[in-house]
Protein backbone atom coordinates (compact mmCIF):
# COMPACT_ATOMS: atom_id res chain seq x y z
CA MET A 1 73.46 22.64 -8.05
CA ASN A 2 75.83 23.12 -11.32
CA LYS A 3 74.50 25.27 -14.25
CA PHE A 4 74.18 21.81 -16.43
CA SER A 5 71.90 19.98 -13.92
CA ALA A 6 69.60 22.96 -13.66
CA VAL A 7 69.28 22.86 -17.29
CA LEU A 8 68.56 18.86 -17.38
CA LEU A 9 66.20 19.39 -14.60
CA LEU A 10 64.05 21.78 -16.44
CA VAL A 11 64.18 20.05 -19.16
CA ALA A 12 62.62 16.91 -17.54
CA GLY A 13 60.18 18.91 -16.31
CA ALA A 14 58.63 20.28 -19.41
CA CYS A 15 58.60 16.94 -20.52
CA LEU A 16 56.79 15.67 -17.74
CA THR A 17 53.96 18.65 -18.05
CA THR A 18 54.06 17.77 -21.67
CA GLY A 19 53.08 14.29 -20.92
CA CYS A 20 50.42 14.83 -18.88
CA ALA A 21 49.14 17.30 -21.25
CA THR A 22 48.66 14.98 -23.93
CA GLN A 23 47.29 12.42 -21.07
CA GLN A 24 44.51 14.79 -20.22
CA SER A 25 44.02 15.71 -23.66
CA LYS A 26 43.39 12.45 -24.78
CA ALA A 27 41.08 11.29 -21.68
CA SER A 28 39.17 14.40 -23.02
CA VAL A 29 38.89 13.39 -26.74
CA GLN A 30 37.56 9.83 -25.60
CA ASP A 31 34.84 11.66 -23.53
CA LYS A 32 33.42 13.60 -26.05
CA ALA A 33 33.75 10.94 -28.60
CA GLN A 34 31.56 8.56 -25.55
CA GLN A 35 29.24 11.24 -25.21
CA ALA A 36 28.64 11.85 -28.83
CA MET A 37 27.77 8.25 -29.74
CA ARG A 38 25.17 8.28 -26.46
CA PRO A 39 21.47 8.11 -28.08
CA ASP A 40 19.32 11.58 -27.36
CA TRP A 41 16.74 10.15 -25.61
CA ILE A 42 18.85 9.43 -22.30
CA THR A 43 18.83 13.16 -21.47
CA GLN A 44 15.92 14.16 -23.50
CA PRO A 45 13.05 10.88 -23.75
CA PRO A 46 11.15 10.95 -26.79
CA GLN A 47 7.69 13.19 -27.07
CA GLN A 48 4.62 11.51 -28.85
CA SER A 49 1.02 11.87 -28.93
CA GLY A 50 -0.61 8.97 -27.15
CA MET A 51 2.46 7.60 -25.48
CA ALA A 52 4.56 7.59 -22.47
CA TYR A 53 8.15 7.31 -21.94
CA GLY A 54 10.61 6.44 -19.18
CA VAL A 55 14.60 6.01 -18.87
CA GLY A 56 16.65 4.27 -16.36
CA SER A 57 20.64 3.85 -16.09
CA MET A 58 22.56 1.78 -13.74
CA GLU A 59 26.43 1.60 -12.97
CA ILE A 60 27.92 -2.03 -14.22
CA TYR A 61 29.26 -3.76 -11.33
CA GLY A 62 31.07 -6.69 -13.19
CA ASP A 63 27.74 -8.32 -14.51
CA GLN A 64 26.75 -5.99 -17.93
CA ALA A 65 23.10 -7.91 -18.25
CA ALA A 66 22.10 -7.39 -14.47
CA ALA A 67 23.04 -3.49 -14.92
CA VAL A 68 20.30 -3.73 -18.07
CA LYS A 69 17.73 -5.58 -16.14
CA ARG A 70 18.10 -3.33 -13.27
CA ALA A 71 18.04 0.06 -15.77
CA ALA A 72 15.06 -1.55 -16.98
CA GLU A 73 13.71 -1.59 -13.76
CA LEU A 74 14.01 1.99 -13.07
CA ALA A 75 12.79 3.08 -16.45
CA ARG A 76 9.27 1.47 -15.67
CA VAL A 77 9.40 3.43 -12.27
CA ASP A 78 10.29 6.72 -14.15
CA LEU A 79 7.60 6.43 -16.61
CA VAL A 80 5.05 5.87 -13.98
CA SER A 81 6.69 8.89 -11.92
CA GLN A 82 6.35 10.98 -15.15
CA LEU A 83 2.59 10.19 -15.60
CA LYS A 84 1.98 11.27 -11.86
CA VAL A 85 3.52 14.24 -12.11
CA THR A 86 0.53 15.80 -13.40
CA VAL A 87 -1.92 13.68 -11.56
CA THR A 88 -3.53 15.57 -8.70
CA GLY A 89 -6.00 14.20 -6.44
CA ASP A 90 -7.43 10.55 -4.86
CA PHE A 91 -8.96 8.26 -7.19
CA SER A 92 -9.66 5.93 -4.30
CA SER A 93 -13.44 5.17 -3.38
CA SER A 94 -14.87 6.30 -0.07
CA THR A 95 -17.02 4.48 2.61
CA THR A 96 -19.65 6.50 4.98
CA GLU A 97 -20.82 5.50 7.77
CA THR A 98 -24.93 6.30 7.78
CA SER A 99 -24.89 6.38 11.35
CA GLY A 100 -25.27 10.13 11.50
CA THR A 101 -22.14 10.88 11.79
CA GLY A 102 -21.08 11.07 8.17
CA ARG A 103 -17.61 9.69 8.63
CA ALA A 104 -16.58 5.96 8.58
CA SER A 105 -16.52 4.16 11.82
CA GLU A 106 -12.91 2.83 12.37
CA VAL A 107 -14.23 -0.70 11.97
CA GLN A 108 -15.26 0.03 8.37
CA ARG A 109 -12.01 1.49 7.76
CA SER A 110 -10.02 -1.41 9.10
CA VAL A 111 -12.56 -3.55 6.88
CA THR A 112 -11.25 -0.91 3.59
CA ASN A 113 -7.54 -1.07 4.46
CA TYR A 114 -7.14 -4.46 5.37
CA ALA A 115 -8.59 -5.35 1.51
CA ARG A 116 -6.80 -2.84 -0.03
CA SER A 117 -3.44 -3.86 1.60
CA GLN A 118 -4.47 -7.38 0.32
CA VAL A 119 -4.49 -5.95 -3.69
CA PRO A 120 -1.36 -5.43 -5.17
CA GLU A 121 -1.12 -2.18 -7.40
CA ALA A 122 -2.16 -3.09 -11.09
CA GLU A 123 0.30 -3.57 -13.36
CA LEU A 124 1.33 -1.81 -16.52
CA ASP A 125 1.82 -5.00 -18.69
CA GLU A 126 2.10 -2.57 -22.17
CA VAL A 127 4.97 -1.05 -20.78
CA VAL A 128 8.21 -2.19 -23.00
CA GLN A 129 11.56 -1.81 -23.45
CA SER A 130 11.85 0.45 -26.92
CA ASP A 131 16.16 0.56 -26.69
CA SER A 132 19.02 0.07 -24.84
CA TYR A 133 22.81 1.84 -24.43
CA VAL A 134 26.21 0.59 -22.88
CA ASP A 135 28.84 2.69 -22.91
CA GLY A 136 31.05 0.31 -20.48
CA THR A 137 30.52 2.19 -17.72
CA TYR A 138 26.61 2.62 -17.15
CA ALA A 139 23.43 0.95 -18.97
CA TYR A 140 20.71 2.32 -19.89
CA VAL A 141 17.03 1.92 -20.93
CA LEU A 142 14.47 3.22 -22.50
CA VAL A 143 10.79 2.03 -22.03
CA GLU A 144 7.30 3.57 -23.91
CA LEU A 145 3.94 2.88 -23.14
CA ASN A 146 0.81 3.11 -25.63
CA ARG A 147 -1.47 5.34 -22.97
CA SER A 148 -4.75 4.17 -25.16
CA GLN A 149 -3.73 0.62 -25.24
CA ALA A 150 -3.42 0.48 -21.55
CA ALA A 151 -6.29 2.14 -20.86
CA ALA A 152 -8.40 0.13 -22.98
CA ARG A 153 -7.24 -3.17 -21.60
CA LEU A 154 -7.32 -1.53 -17.78
CA ARG A 155 -11.01 -0.71 -19.02
CA ARG A 156 -11.91 -4.37 -19.85
CA ASP A 157 -10.20 -5.53 -16.72
CA VAL A 158 -12.56 -3.30 -14.66
CA ASP A 159 -15.59 -4.59 -17.07
CA SER A 160 -14.41 -8.03 -15.74
CA ILE A 161 -14.54 -7.07 -11.51
CA ASP A 162 -17.77 -5.08 -12.28
CA GLU A 163 -19.50 -8.57 -13.61
CA GLN A 164 -17.89 -10.37 -11.10
CA ILE A 165 -19.35 -8.18 -8.41
CA MET A 166 -23.09 -8.20 -9.82
CA ASP A 167 -23.25 -12.11 -9.72
CA ILE A 168 -22.35 -11.58 -6.07
CA ALA A 169 -25.18 -9.32 -5.54
CA ALA A 170 -27.66 -11.33 -7.71
CA GLN A 171 -26.99 -14.11 -4.77
CA SER A 172 -30.02 -14.73 -2.33
CA ARG A 173 -29.55 -13.82 1.26
CA GLY A 174 -31.72 -14.68 4.26
CA GLY A 175 -31.41 -15.74 8.34
CA GLU A 176 -29.61 -13.62 10.94
CA PRO A 177 -27.71 -10.46 10.25
CA LEU A 178 -24.41 -11.95 9.75
CA GLN A 179 -25.96 -14.86 7.30
CA GLN A 180 -27.16 -11.57 5.08
CA LEU A 181 -23.74 -10.07 5.20
CA THR A 182 -21.39 -13.34 4.42
CA PRO A 183 -22.24 -13.97 0.94
CA LEU A 184 -21.40 -10.40 -0.12
CA LEU A 185 -17.77 -10.39 1.78
CA PRO A 186 -16.17 -11.20 -1.46
CA ALA A 187 -17.41 -8.05 -2.64
CA VAL A 188 -15.17 -6.18 -0.57
CA LYS A 189 -11.94 -7.31 -2.40
CA LEU A 190 -13.04 -6.81 -5.67
CA PHE A 191 -14.35 -3.16 -4.75
CA ALA A 192 -10.29 -3.33 -3.61
CA GLN A 193 -9.19 -4.67 -6.85
CA ARG A 194 -11.28 -2.35 -8.84
CA GLU A 195 -10.05 0.77 -7.12
CA ARG A 196 -6.76 0.19 -7.97
CA LEU A 197 -7.29 -0.53 -11.12
CA SER A 198 -9.40 2.70 -11.21
CA GLU A 199 -6.19 4.46 -10.01
CA ARG A 200 -4.05 2.70 -13.00
CA LEU A 201 -6.40 3.75 -15.75
CA ALA A 202 -6.56 7.75 -14.14
CA LEU A 203 -3.11 7.19 -14.18
CA VAL A 204 -2.44 6.07 -18.15
CA SER A 205 -6.16 7.53 -20.11
CA MET A 206 -5.66 10.57 -21.79
CA ASN A 207 -8.51 12.02 -19.66
CA ARG A 208 -7.62 11.47 -16.84
CA GLN A 209 -10.03 10.27 -15.70
CA GLY A 210 -11.01 6.74 -13.83
CA ALA A 211 -13.78 4.13 -13.87
CA VAL A 212 -16.93 5.59 -13.18
CA MET A 213 -18.81 3.38 -10.62
CA SER A 214 -22.54 2.99 -11.17
CA ALA A 215 -25.42 3.60 -9.22
CA GLU A 216 -25.45 -0.20 -8.37
CA LEU A 217 -22.43 -0.75 -7.25
CA ARG A 218 -22.38 2.38 -5.04
CA ALA A 219 -25.61 0.97 -3.26
CA LEU A 220 -24.25 -2.36 -3.03
CA GLN A 221 -21.10 -0.95 -1.29
CA ARG A 222 -22.66 1.41 1.04
CA ASP A 223 -25.32 -1.85 1.63
CA ILE A 224 -22.40 -4.08 2.59
CA TYR A 225 -20.51 -1.55 4.69
CA ASP A 226 -23.84 -0.81 6.53
CA ARG A 227 -24.07 -4.41 7.35
CA ILE A 228 -20.81 -4.60 8.72
CA GLY A 229 -21.22 -1.35 10.90
CA ALA A 230 -24.47 -2.84 12.52
CA LEU A 231 -23.15 -6.21 13.40
CA ARG A 232 -24.19 -6.84 16.91
CA VAL A 233 -21.31 -7.86 19.31
CA SER A 234 -20.93 -9.53 22.18
CA VAL A 235 -17.95 -9.09 24.61
CA VAL A 236 -17.18 -12.30 27.21
CA ALA A 237 -14.32 -12.13 29.90
CA GLN A 238 -13.04 -15.72 30.32
CA ASP A 239 -11.89 -15.15 33.82
CA SER A 240 -12.14 -13.09 37.12
CA ASP A 241 -8.84 -10.82 36.45
CA SER A 242 -10.66 -10.37 32.58
CA GLU A 243 -13.87 -9.27 34.17
CA ALA A 244 -12.06 -6.08 35.52
CA MET A 245 -10.90 -5.55 31.88
CA ARG A 246 -14.31 -5.95 30.21
CA GLY A 247 -16.04 -2.60 30.92
CA PRO A 248 -13.42 -0.05 29.31
CA MET A 249 -12.96 -3.20 26.22
CA ILE A 250 -16.37 -2.23 25.54
CA GLU A 251 -15.94 1.18 25.83
CA ALA A 252 -12.89 0.62 23.34
CA LEU A 253 -14.64 -1.41 21.00
CA THR A 254 -17.37 1.13 20.70
CA ASP A 255 -15.19 3.91 19.84
CA GLN A 256 -14.24 1.48 17.23
CA GLY A 257 -17.42 1.24 16.03
CA MET A 258 -19.00 -2.03 16.61
CA LYS A 259 -22.44 -2.26 18.23
CA ILE A 260 -22.05 -3.83 21.55
CA GLN A 261 -24.70 -6.01 23.15
CA SER A 262 -25.26 -6.22 26.51
CA GLY A 263 -27.37 -9.39 26.19
CA GLY A 264 -29.75 -11.12 24.32
CA SER A 265 -29.19 -12.00 20.63
CA TYR A 266 -25.44 -11.41 18.55
CA ASP A 267 -23.71 -12.12 15.18
CA LEU A 268 -19.93 -12.22 16.60
CA GLU A 269 -18.40 -12.98 20.09
CA PHE A 270 -15.17 -11.52 21.84
CA GLN A 271 -13.71 -13.64 24.00
CA ILE A 272 -11.04 -11.82 25.91
CA THR A 273 -8.25 -13.03 28.39
CA ALA A 274 -6.41 -10.01 29.37
CA ASP A 275 -3.21 -9.38 31.67
CA GLN A 276 -2.13 -6.12 33.00
CA THR A 277 1.12 -5.25 34.20
CA SER A 278 2.24 -1.95 34.35
CA LYS A 279 5.74 -0.05 35.47
CA GLN A 280 7.19 3.22 36.04
CA GLN A 281 10.62 4.77 34.34
CA SER A 282 11.83 8.17 33.54
CA GLY A 283 8.76 9.78 35.20
CA ASN A 284 6.46 7.57 32.90
CA TYR A 285 4.33 4.96 33.59
CA TYR A 286 4.07 1.99 31.36
CA ALA A 287 1.11 -0.47 31.05
CA PHE A 288 0.84 -3.72 28.70
CA LEU A 289 -2.17 -5.77 28.59
CA ASP A 290 -1.61 -9.18 27.40
CA CYS A 291 -4.42 -10.20 24.99
CA ARG A 292 -5.70 -13.32 23.74
CA VAL A 293 -9.00 -13.39 21.61
CA THR A 294 -10.91 -15.67 20.09
CA ILE A 295 -13.86 -14.30 17.88
CA VAL A 296 -16.61 -16.87 17.82
CA ASP A 297 -20.31 -15.87 15.55
CA ASN A 298 -23.95 -16.67 16.87
CA GLN A 299 -23.55 -20.67 15.66
CA GLY A 300 -20.32 -21.21 18.51
CA ARG A 301 -17.96 -21.65 15.29
CA ALA A 302 -14.38 -20.15 15.98
CA LEU A 303 -13.35 -17.49 13.19
CA SER A 304 -9.96 -16.50 14.52
CA SER A 305 -7.87 -16.22 17.24
CA PHE A 306 -4.76 -13.73 18.26
CA SER A 307 -2.81 -12.97 21.35
CA GLN A 308 -0.73 -9.32 21.02
CA GLN A 309 0.22 -6.95 23.50
CA ALA A 310 -1.08 -3.99 24.16
CA LYS A 311 0.37 -0.93 25.24
CA GLY A 312 0.40 2.69 26.57
CA VAL A 313 2.51 5.14 28.15
CA SER A 314 1.77 8.57 29.95
CA GLY A 315 2.87 10.84 32.92
CA LEU A 316 -0.52 9.59 34.72
CA LYS A 317 -1.07 5.89 35.31
CA LYS A 318 -4.65 5.57 34.79
CA VAL A 319 -4.18 7.36 31.50
CA ALA A 320 -2.05 5.06 30.42
CA LEU A 321 -4.40 1.93 31.13
CA GLN A 322 -6.73 3.69 28.75
CA LYS A 323 -4.12 4.26 26.01
CA ALA A 324 -3.29 0.45 26.22
CA VAL A 325 -7.34 -0.88 26.26
CA GLN A 326 -7.29 1.72 23.26
CA SER A 327 -4.55 0.37 21.34
CA ALA A 328 -6.26 -3.54 22.04
CA GLY A 329 -9.57 -2.00 20.42
CA SER A 330 -7.52 -1.16 17.30
CA MET A 331 -5.92 -4.74 17.28
CA MET A 332 -9.62 -6.08 17.82
CA ALA A 333 -10.98 -3.97 15.17
CA ALA A 334 -8.09 -4.81 12.59
CA GLU A 335 -8.64 -8.32 13.47
CA LEU A 336 -12.53 -8.63 12.56
CA ALA A 337 -11.21 -6.70 9.50
CA ALA A 338 -9.13 -9.71 8.54
CA THR A 339 -11.99 -12.21 9.71
CA LEU A 340 -14.40 -10.72 7.50
CA VAL A 341 -12.45 -10.24 4.37
CA ASP A 342 -10.62 -13.53 4.71
CA ASP A 343 -12.09 -16.02 6.54
CA LEU A 344 -16.24 -15.67 6.73
CA HIS A 345 -16.47 -16.13 3.27
C-alpha cells in the first residue's frame, strides 16, 4: 500500500466514525425529547387523599387502540394491587361446626367453598380512565378511583343483600329436617356474595373495614350450617360388588362430617355403584374406584347424579385402596355441596 492509499483509508475511517457519532447523537436527542414529553404520572402516579391510582403500559404491535385497551386493563390491576399492599388479614367469614370439635366439617367447608366459587369478585365500577399517552412504541393509561364513592356504593349493595337474607329468614319452615333447610338454602349464595362485597369494601374504604355482620345474620348463617351438618344420610349399595365397598364408603363419608343413618328415617340417600380395579407399577400400588352416585331425597326424588373415578397411590395395596375411598368421599361431599347450593331450592 502506497502513502496516498493509506491517507485515503484514514480519511474514510474518520468520516465513518464521525457519521456514526452523529447518528448516535441524533438518536440520543430524540430519546431525551420523547422522555421529556411523557407525563409525570407514568413513573410517579398522583397522590391525593381519598383517591387511588393505577398505571398500565402495553407495547404497541400494530393496533394502537388494542394496546390502549390492554394498558387500561393493566392499570386497573395495578390500582387494586396498590390497595392490597396495605391490607392484611382475611376478611372472609368463617363457619364452625357446633358438634364439639370447634371446626367446620368437610361438608360444611365444601358448601362454603362451592358457593364462593360461584360468585365472582365484586367489581369496582367507580374506576375511571383519567389520562392516556402514546409515544409510538408504548401506550400508557392512568386510572383513578374515588374511594369514598366506591365504599358508599358497596355498603348499599351489602345492605341490599342483607335485606334479601332477612326476607329468607322470615319464611315459615316446617316438616322434616331437609324440608326445613330447603327454604334457607338460597341464603348460602347470598352470604357468599356479601362476603365478596365486604372484601372489596375493606379494600377501598379509608378505615380498611369490611361490612360487619349483624348478630341476626350470624345466627342465621350458623343455623343454616348446623342444619346442613345435621342432615341424616343413608348409603345404599346398588349391587353385590358395591356392597363390599359400602363399609369403607360409610367411613369416608363420616370423615367428611356426614351423619350416616344405618336404618330408619333419612334426609338424603346416596345410591352408590363402585367398580374397583388396581395395578402395580414401579413399586407402587394404584387403586381405582369408578363411582356412580345418585343423591335422592326422602321423597324418592333424584336430586343429582355423577360418575367419577377416584384414585389412590401407595406402596401398600390396602393403603392405596383406602386413599381411593377417601378421594371418593371428598367427591361425594363436593357433589352434595353443589346440590345444596344449586339444586334443592
